[in-house]
C-alpha cells in the first residue's frame, strides 16, 4: 500500500491541464509538520532540473524534511517510476532532507535515505 502522501502528490501533479504523458508532483513535510507542494513545469528541455518538481520543492524545505515524489499518467491515473534525477537528489541532499519516497508503480515505492 502506498503512503497517503502519494495521493496528495498525485493531486498536485494533476492540478493543471497538461498535455504531457506524465506529470510529476512532489510533497514535502518539514520538521515542524508543515506540508509544502510543487509540480514540474513545462519547458522545452525537461532535462533542466530547475523545472523539476523536486528542485522547485527544495526552495520550500528545511532541514530533516521528508519528500514524496509521484509520476502519474493523467489519463488513467497510473503511477510510474519517479526516482529523482541525480541533480535533484544532490539538491535535496544539500537541503539535509532526511528521506525521499518515490513512486515505482501503483503498488510499489522506493526509498532513498539521505540522513541516517
Protein backbone atom coordinates (compact mmCIF):
# COMPACT_ATOMS: atom_id res chain seq x y z
CA UNK A 1 0.00 0.00 0.00
CA UNK A 2 1.33 3.42 -0.94
CA UNK A 3 1.56 6.14 1.72
CA UNK A 4 -1.28 8.67 1.66
CA UNK A 5 1.16 11.46 0.80
CA UNK A 6 1.46 9.89 -2.66
CA UNK A 7 -2.22 10.67 -3.25
CA UNK A 8 -1.58 14.28 -2.22
CA UNK A 9 1.43 14.46 -4.59
CA UNK A 10 -0.70 12.99 -7.39
CA UNK A 11 -3.32 15.72 -6.92
CA UNK A 12 -0.57 18.33 -7.05
CA UNK A 13 0.82 16.77 -10.24
CA UNK A 14 -2.56 16.92 -11.96
CA UNK A 15 -3.53 20.34 -10.64
CA UNK A 16 -3.22 21.96 -14.08
CA UNK A 17 -4.36 20.90 -17.52
CA UNK A 18 -1.32 19.38 -19.16
CA UNK A 19 -0.87 17.62 -22.48
CA UNK A 20 2.20 15.65 -21.41
CA UNK A 21 2.02 11.88 -20.97
CA UNK A 22 3.17 12.13 -17.35
CA UNK A 23 3.10 14.78 -14.64
CA UNK A 24 5.31 14.93 -11.56
CA UNK A 25 4.13 16.08 -8.14
CA UNK A 26 6.22 16.48 -5.01
CA UNK A 27 5.16 16.97 -1.41
CA UNK A 28 7.49 17.81 1.45
CA UNK A 29 6.83 17.55 5.15
CA UNK A 30 9.01 19.96 7.09
CA UNK A 31 10.34 19.01 10.51
CA UNK A 32 7.57 21.09 12.14
CA UNK A 33 4.85 19.19 10.23
CA UNK A 34 4.12 21.89 7.64
CA UNK A 35 3.29 20.44 4.21
CA UNK A 36 4.70 22.13 1.10
CA UNK A 37 3.92 21.18 -2.51
CA UNK A 38 5.31 21.59 -6.01
CA UNK A 39 4.84 20.22 -9.52
CA UNK A 40 7.04 20.12 -12.58
CA UNK A 41 6.88 22.94 -15.11
CA UNK A 42 6.54 22.68 -18.84
CA UNK A 43 9.76 23.53 -20.59
CA UNK A 44 11.20 22.71 -23.99
CA UNK A 45 14.10 20.86 -22.31
CA UNK A 46 12.89 18.62 -19.47
CA UNK A 47 16.49 17.77 -18.58
CA UNK A 48 16.77 21.14 -16.87
CA UNK A 49 16.48 20.36 -13.13
CA UNK A 50 15.12 23.85 -12.44
CA UNK A 51 11.77 22.79 -13.88
CA UNK A 52 11.63 19.55 -11.88
CA UNK A 53 9.14 19.31 -9.03
CA UNK A 54 11.83 18.19 -6.58
CA UNK A 55 14.08 21.13 -7.37
CA UNK A 56 11.22 23.62 -7.01
CA UNK A 57 10.14 21.93 -3.77
CA UNK A 58 13.67 22.22 -2.35
CA UNK A 59 13.25 26.00 -2.18
CA UNK A 60 10.44 25.49 0.37
CA UNK A 61 12.08 22.85 2.59
CA UNK A 62 14.06 22.99 5.80
CA UNK A 63 16.42 20.52 7.46
CA UNK A 64 15.23 16.98 8.10
CA UNK A 65 12.20 17.18 5.81
CA UNK A 66 10.64 14.11 4.21
CA UNK A 67 9.80 14.22 0.49
CA UNK A 68 7.28 12.22 -1.57
CA UNK A 69 7.53 12.25 -5.38
CA UNK A 70 4.95 10.82 -7.79
CA UNK A 71 4.95 10.43 -11.54
CA UNK A 72 1.40 9.96 -12.78
CA UNK A 73 -0.29 9.50 -16.12
CA UNK A 74 -3.33 11.82 -16.11
CA UNK A 75 -5.43 9.67 -18.48
CA UNK A 76 -5.62 6.51 -16.41
CA UNK A 77 -4.11 7.86 -13.17
CA UNK A 78 -1.43 5.17 -13.04
CA UNK A 79 1.81 5.79 -11.17
CA UNK A 80 5.21 5.27 -12.79
CA UNK A 81 8.86 5.48 -11.75
CA UNK A 82 9.57 8.91 -10.21
CA UNK A 83 13.07 8.44 -8.81
CA UNK A 84 14.67 11.90 -8.61
CA UNK A 85 17.40 12.64 -11.14
CA UNK A 86 20.98 12.93 -9.78
CA UNK A 87 20.84 16.75 -9.82
CA UNK A 88 17.58 16.88 -7.85
CA UNK A 89 18.84 14.27 -5.40
CA UNK A 90 22.00 16.35 -4.88
CA UNK A 91 19.92 19.50 -4.22
CA UNK A 92 17.70 17.65 -1.73
CA UNK A 93 20.78 16.22 -0.02
CA UNK A 94 22.22 19.75 0.30
CA UNK A 95 18.96 20.81 1.99
CA UNK A 96 19.53 17.98 4.51
CA UNK A 97 16.33 16.16 3.51
CA UNK A 98 16.03 13.03 5.64
CA UNK A 99 14.16 10.66 3.30
CA UNK A 100 12.77 10.65 -0.25
CA UNK A 101 9.91 8.31 -1.13
CA UNK A 102 9.16 7.93 -4.84
CA UNK A 103 6.56 6.02 -6.83
CA UNK A 104 7.56 2.97 -8.84
CA UNK A 105 4.05 1.76 -9.75
CA UNK A 106 0.55 1.85 -8.29
CA UNK A 107 1.64 -0.76 -5.73
CA UNK A 108 5.33 -0.08 -5.14
CA UNK A 109 7.50 2.75 -3.98
CA UNK A 110 11.20 3.28 -3.45
CA UNK A 111 13.06 4.95 -0.60
CA UNK A 112 16.24 6.97 -0.59
CA UNK A 113 17.62 7.61 2.91
CA UNK A 114 19.86 10.67 2.81
CA UNK A 115 20.46 11.21 6.52
CA UNK A 116 20.84 8.30 8.90
